[in-house]
Amino acid sequence: MFFKYLTKKFYINLTIIISIILLDRVSKIFVIDWNKENQGEDLYSSEFLNINLIWNEGIAFGLLSFNQNYFYNILTSIILIVILIILVMILKTKGIKKYSLCMIFGGAIGNLIDRIYFRAVPDFFDFHIGNFHWFIFNVADIFISLGVIFMIFFELIDNSKERG
């Protein structure tokens, strides 16, 4: 049954997922190493962007951050279940929406690796205007966000085609 999914498109999807995971890993390793070698000094700082390492123990944008292992383990288990659901959706989805799901899946796996290995996710892109700082995020978060935006966009297009 599984072998029916091993097509050219499967390998394209796998390449997208692996590329996102690798890009995420390389960026995080680079920033973590820079931080260690430079005693926490910002890697880059400008009027609108700082690249500095923070450790996020919660989910997206530091939400649901817990100090207790029990809640952390429950949250990680829920994330794992969501990732498995996304994998099933990838296998069942046709067309361009599949690429959006691959972006979400690749980013989610990248962050899950960190949650398991470090018990936190390294975030480092800090966009700001003056003293107003937006959420700090990483490469995996970028792909998750883009995947969600593309999914919404494709759903809106599909819905407008059905009406028109």
C-alpha atoms as a PDB file:
ATOM      1  CA  MET A   1       0.000   0.000   0.000  1.00  0.00           C
ATOM      2  CA  PHE A   2       2.741   2.486   0.920  1.00  0.00           C
ATOM      3  CA  PHE A   3       4.603   1.868  -2.336  1.00  0.00           C
ATOM      4  CA  LYS A   4       1.844   3.482  -4.395  1.00  0.00           C
ATOM      5  CA  TYR A   5       3.058   6.818  -2.977  1.00  0.00           C
ATOM      6  CA  LEU A   6       6.640   6.317  -4.248  1.00  0.00           C
ATOM      7  CA  THR A   7       6.343   8.373  -7.408  1.00  0.00           C
ATOM      8  CA  LYS A   8       8.307  11.240  -8.932  1.00  0.00           C
ATOM      9  CA  LYS A   9       6.064  13.656  -7.019  1.00  0.00           C
ATOM     10  CA  PHE A  10       6.865  11.803  -3.792  1.00  0.00           C
ATOM     11  CA  TYR A  11      10.578  12.447  -4.330  1.00  0.00           C
ATOM     12  CA  ILE A  12       9.897  16.105  -5.124  1.00  0.00           C
ATOM     13  CA  ASN A  13       7.923  16.420  -1.882  1.00  0.00           C
ATOM     14  CA  LEU A  14      10.640  14.595   0.049  1.00  0.00           C
ATOM     15  CA  THR A  15      13.275  16.916  -1.434  1.00  0.00           C
ATOM     16  CA  ILE A  16      11.273  19.975  -0.348  1.00  0.00           C
ATOM     17  CA  ILE A  17      10.893  18.626   3.192  1.00  0.00           C
ATOM     18  CA  ILE A  18      14.549  17.593   3.551  1.00  0.00           C
ATOM     19  CA  SER A  19      15.766  20.910   2.085  1.00  0.00           C
ATOM     20  CA  ILE A  20      13.700  22.872   4.607  1.00  0.00           C
ATOM     21  CA  ILE A  21      14.944  20.736   7.498  1.00  0.00           C
ATOM     22  CA  LEU A  22      18.579  21.114   6.367  1.00  0.00           C
ATOM     23  CA  LEU A  23      18.289  24.873   5.831  1.00  0.00           C
ATOM     24  CA  ASP A  24      16.721  25.187   9.265  1.00  0.00           C
ATOM     25  CA  ARG A  25      19.379  23.009  10.938  1.00  0.00           C
ATOM     26  CA  VAL A  26      22.297  24.822   9.289  1.00  0.00           C
ATOM     27  CA  SER A  27      20.913  28.250  10.243  1.00  0.00           C
ATOM     28  CA  LYS A  28      20.305  27.212  13.856  1.00  0.00           C
ATOM     29  CA  ILE A  29      23.703  25.540  14.250  1.00  0.00           C
ATOM     30  CA  PHE A  30      25.380  28.641  12.812  1.00  0.00           C
ATOM     31  CA  VAL A  31      23.588  31.004  15.207  1.00  0.00           C
ATOM     32  CA  ILE A  32      24.088  28.719  18.231  1.00  0.00           C
ATOM     33  CA  ASP A  33      27.818  28.371  17.471  1.00  0.00           C
ATOM     34  CA  TRP A  34      28.147  32.132  16.900  1.00  0.00           C
ATOM     35  CA  ASN A  35      26.437  32.762  20.230  1.00  0.00           C
ATOM     36  CA  LYS A  36      28.804  30.393  22.073  1.00  0.00           C
ATOM     37  CA  GLU A  37      31.935  31.821  20.455  1.00  0.00           C
ATOM     38  CA  ASN A  38      30.912  35.455  20.980  1.00  0.00           C
ATOM     39  CA  GLN A  39      29.490  35.267  24.530  1.00  0.00           C
ATOM     40  CA  GLY A  40      25.907  36.010  23.475  1.00  0.00           C
ATOM     41  CA  GLU A  41      26.709  39.034  21.333  1.00  0.00           C
ATOM     42  CA  ASP A  42      24.183  39.732  18.555  1.00  0.00           C
ATOM     43  CA  LEU A  43      25.192  38.223  15.227  1.00  0.00           C
ATOM     44  CA  TYR A  44      23.673  41.173  13.377  1.00  0.00           C
ATOM     45  CA  SER A  45      21.997  44.354  14.460  1.00  0.00           C
ATOM     46  CA  SER A  46      20.371  47.075  12.384  1.00  0.00           C
ATOM     47  CA  GLU A  47      17.560  49.611  12.518  1.00  0.00           C
ATOM     48  CA  PHE A  48      14.944  46.931  11.698  1.00  0.00           C
ATOM     49  CA  LEU A  49      16.552  43.534  12.284  1.00  0.00           C
ATOM     50  CA  ASN A  50      18.579  41.903  15.023  1.00  0.00           C
ATOM     51  CA  ILE A  51      19.856  38.368  14.819  1.00  0.00           C
ATOM     52  CA  ASN A  52      20.246  37.191  18.382  1.00  0.00           C
ATOM     53  CA  LEU A  53      19.599  33.822  19.972  1.00  0.00           C
ATOM     54  CA  ILE A  54      16.716  33.201  22.358  1.00  0.00           C
ATOM     55  CA  TRP A  55      15.389  29.824  23.487  1.00  0.00           C
ATOM     56  CA  ASN A  56      11.652  29.292  23.040  1.00  0.00           C
ATOM     57  CA  GLU A  57      10.174  26.591  25.287  1.00  0.00           C
ATOM     58  CA  GLY A  58       6.601  27.196  24.105  1.00  0.00           C
ATOM     59  CA  ILE A  59       4.994  26.908  20.699  1.00  0.00           C
ATOM     60  CA  ALA A  60       4.795  29.553  17.990  1.00  0.00           C
ATOM     61  CA  PHE A  61       6.119  32.930  19.137  1.00  0.00           C
ATOM     62  CA  GLY A  62       6.749  31.712  22.693  1.00  0.00           C
ATOM     63  CA  LEU A  63       3.099  30.989  23.462  1.00  0.00           C
ATOM     64  CA  LEU A  64       2.284  28.261  25.997  1.00  0.00           C
ATOM     65  CA  SER A  65       5.728  28.266  27.566  1.00  0.00           C
ATOM     66  CA  PHE A  66       5.808  26.035  30.658  1.00  0.00           C
ATOM     67  CA  ASN A  67       8.468  25.446  33.278  1.00  0.00           C
ATOM     68  CA  GLN A  68       7.023  22.083  34.300  1.00  0.00           C
ATOM     69  CA  ASN A  69       8.109  18.918  32.481  1.00  0.00           C
ATOM     70  CA  TYR A  70       4.598  17.461  32.594  1.00  0.00           C
ATOM     71  CA  PHE A  71       3.075  20.294  30.549  1.00  0.00           C
ATOM     72  CA  TYR A  72       6.094  20.447  28.256  1.00  0.00           C
ATOM     73  CA  ASN A  73       5.778  16.723  27.489  1.00  0.00           C
ATOM     74  CA  ILE A  74       2.038  17.033  26.832  1.00  0.00           C
ATOM     75  CA  LEU A  75       2.652  19.974  24.504  1.00  0.00           C
ATOM     76  CA  THR A  76       5.385  18.075  22.647  1.00  0.00           C
ATOM     77  CA  SER A  77       3.075  15.049  22.314  1.00  0.00           C
ATOM     78  CA  ILE A  78       0.330  17.235  20.856  1.00  0.00           C
ATOM     79  CA  ILE A  79       2.821  18.731  18.394  1.00  0.00           C
ATOM     80  CA  LEU A  80       3.890  15.224  17.353  1.00  0.00           C
ATOM     81  CA  ILE A  81       0.254  14.217  16.759  1.00  0.00           C
ATOM     82  CA  VAL A  82      -0.312  17.340  14.634  1.00  0.00           C
ATOM     83  CA  ILE A  83       2.820  16.527  12.611  1.00  0.00           C
ATOM     84  CA  LEU A  84       1.524  13.001  11.977  1.00  0.00           C
ATOM     85  CA  ILE A  85      -1.826  14.436  10.853  1.00  0.00           C
ATOM     86  CA  ILE A  86       0.009  16.754   8.447  1.00  0.00           C
ATOM     87  CA  LEU A  87       1.918  13.744   7.073  1.00  0.00           C
ATOM     88  CA  VAL A  88      -1.371  11.937   6.393  1.00  0.00           C
ATOM     89  CA  MET A  89      -2.709  15.089   4.735  1.00  0.00           C
ATOM     90  CA  ILE A  90       0.388  15.229   2.498  1.00  0.00           C
ATOM     91  CA  LEU A  91      -0.206  11.647   1.400  1.00  0.00           C
ATOM     92  CA  LYS A  92      -3.884  12.316   0.639  1.00  0.00           C
ATOM     93  CA  THR A  93      -3.675  15.811  -0.881  1.00  0.00           C
ATOM     94  CA  LYS A  94      -3.350  16.383  -4.603  1.00  0.00           C
ATOM     95  CA  GLY A  95      -2.009  19.327  -6.532  1.00  0.00           C
ATOM     96  CA  ILE A  96      -0.172  22.400  -5.391  1.00  0.00           C
ATOM     97  CA  LYS A  97      -1.642  22.323  -1.858  1.00  0.00           C
ATOM     98  CA  LYS A  98       0.651  19.376  -1.201  1.00  0.00           C
ATOM     99  CA  TYR A  99       3.687  21.693  -1.477  1.00  0.00           C
ATOM    100  CA  SER A 100       2.216  23.996   1.173  1.00  0.00           C
ATOM    101  CA  LEU A 101       1.775  21.024   3.488  1.00  0.00           C
ATOM    102  CA  CYS A 102       5.372  19.957   2.784  1.00  0.00           C
ATOM    103  CA  MET A 103       6.559  23.416   3.852  1.00  0.00           C
ATOM    104  CA  ILE A 104       4.561  23.185   7.080  1.00  0.00           C
ATOM    105  CA  PHE A 105       5.770  19.618   7.698  1.00  0.00           C
ATOM    106  CA  GLY A 106       9.451  20.447   7.051  1.00  0.00           C
ATOM    107  CA  GLY A 107       9.333  23.428   9.402  1.00  0.00           C
ATOM    108  CA  ALA A 108       7.463  21.478  12.065  1.00  0.00           C
ATOM    109  CA  ILE A 109      10.002  18.635  11.942  1.00  0.00           C
ATOM    110  CA  GLY A 110      12.844  21.171  12.200  1.00  0.00           C
ATOM    111  CA  ASN A 111      11.352  22.639  15.364  1.00  0.00           C
ATOM    112  CA  LEU A 112      10.441  19.202  16.767  1.00  0.00           C
ATOM    113  CA  ILE A 113      14.084  18.110  16.455  1.00  0.00           C
ATOM    114  CA  ASP A 114      15.064  21.082  18.636  1.00  0.00           C
ATOM    115  CA  ARG A 115      12.285  20.440  21.172  1.00  0.00           C
ATOM    116  CA  ILE A 116      13.529  16.880  21.594  1.00  0.00           C
ATOM    117  CA  TYR A 117      17.278  17.633  21.530  1.00  0.00           C
ATOM    118  CA  PHE A 118      17.433  20.986  23.368  1.00  0.00           C
ATOM    119  CA  ARG A 119      14.017  20.976  25.124  1.00  0.00           C
ATOM    120  CA  ALA A 120      13.540  24.376  23.476  1.00  0.00           C
ATOM    121  CA  VAL A 121      13.592  25.885  19.998  1.00  0.00           C
ATOM    122  CA  PRO A 122      16.303  28.404  19.079  1.00  0.00           C
ATOM    123  CA  ASP A 123      14.762  31.551  17.581  1.00  0.00           C
ATOM    124  CA  PHE A 124      16.875  34.410  16.274  1.00  0.00           C
ATOM    125  CA  PHE A 125      15.211  36.686  13.682  1.00  0.00           C
ATOM    126  CA  ASP A 126      14.065  39.772  15.604  1.00  0.00           C
ATOM    127  CA  PHE A 127      12.308  42.376  13.429  1.00  0.00           C
ATOM    128  CA  HIS A 128      11.567  45.666  15.149  1.00  0.00           C
ATOM    129  CA  ILE A 129      10.690  49.298  14.677  1.00  0.00           C
ATOM    130  CA  GLY A 130      12.432  51.341  17.323  1.00  0.00           C
ATOM    131  CA  ASN A 131      11.716  49.677  20.655  1.00  0.00           C
ATOM    132  CA  PHE A 132       8.689  47.760  19.333  1.00  0.00           C
ATOM    133  CA  HIS A 133       9.845  44.184  18.717  1.00  0.00           C
ATOM    134  CA  TRP A 134       7.746  41.692  16.817  1.00  0.00           C
ATOM    135  CA  PHE A 135       7.914  37.982  17.599  1.00  0.00           C
ATOM    136  CA  ILE A 136      11.347  36.357  17.342  1.00  0.00           C
ATOM    137  CA  PHE A 137      11.379  33.391  14.977  1.00  0.00           C
ATOM    138  CA  ASN A 138      13.590  31.015  12.959  1.00  0.00           C
ATOM    139  CA  VAL A 139      13.802  29.515   9.457  1.00  0.00           C
ATOM    140  CA  ALA A 140      11.408  26.666  10.312  1.00  0.00           C
ATOM    141  CA  ASP A 141       8.822  29.215  11.473  1.00  0.00           C
ATOM    142  CA  ILE A 142       9.160  31.052   8.153  1.00  0.00           C
ATOM    143  CA  PHE A 143       8.312  27.909   6.200  1.00  0.00           C
ATOM    144  CA  ILE A 144       5.448  26.985   8.534  1.00  0.00           C
ATOM    145  CA  SER A 145       3.989  30.482   8.138  1.00  0.00           C
ATOM    146  CA  LEU A 146       4.440  30.511   4.352  1.00  0.00           C
ATOM    147  CA  GLY A 147       2.851  27.074   4.087  1.00  0.00           C
ATOM    148  CA  VAL A 148      -0.175  28.228   6.084  1.00  0.00           C
ATOM    149  CA  ILE A 149      -0.475  31.431   4.018  1.00  0.00           C
ATOM    150  CA  PHE A 150      -0.295  29.444   0.759  1.00  0.00           C
ATOM    151  CA  MET A 151      -2.895  26.948   2.039  1.00  0.00           C
ATOM    152  CA  ILE A 152      -5.288  29.788   2.859  1.00  0.00           C
ATOM    153  CA  PHE A 153      -4.619  31.391  -0.529  1.00  0.00           C
ATOM    154  CA  PHE A 154      -5.251  28.140  -2.422  1.00  0.00           C
ATOM    155  CA  GLU A 155      -8.420  27.486  -0.411  1.00  0.00           C
ATOM    156  CA  LEU A 156      -9.718  30.951  -1.277  1.00  0.00           C
ATOM    157  CA  ILE A 157      -8.984  30.333  -4.966  1.00  0.00           C
ATOM    158  CA  ASP A 158     -10.712  26.938  -4.856  1.00  0.00           C
ATOM    159  CA  ASN A 159     -13.752  28.422  -3.110  1.00  0.00           C
ATOM    160  CA  SER A 160     -14.033  31.254  -5.638  1.00  0.00           C
ATOM    161  CA  LYS A 161     -13.842  28.732  -8.530  1.00  0.00           C
ATOM    162  CA  GLU A 162     -16.666  26.693  -6.976  1.00  0.00           C
ATOM    163  CA  ARG A 163     -18.864  29.786  -6.669  1.00  0.00           C
ATOM    164  CA  GLY A 164     -18.041  31.190 -10.117  1.00  0.00           C
END
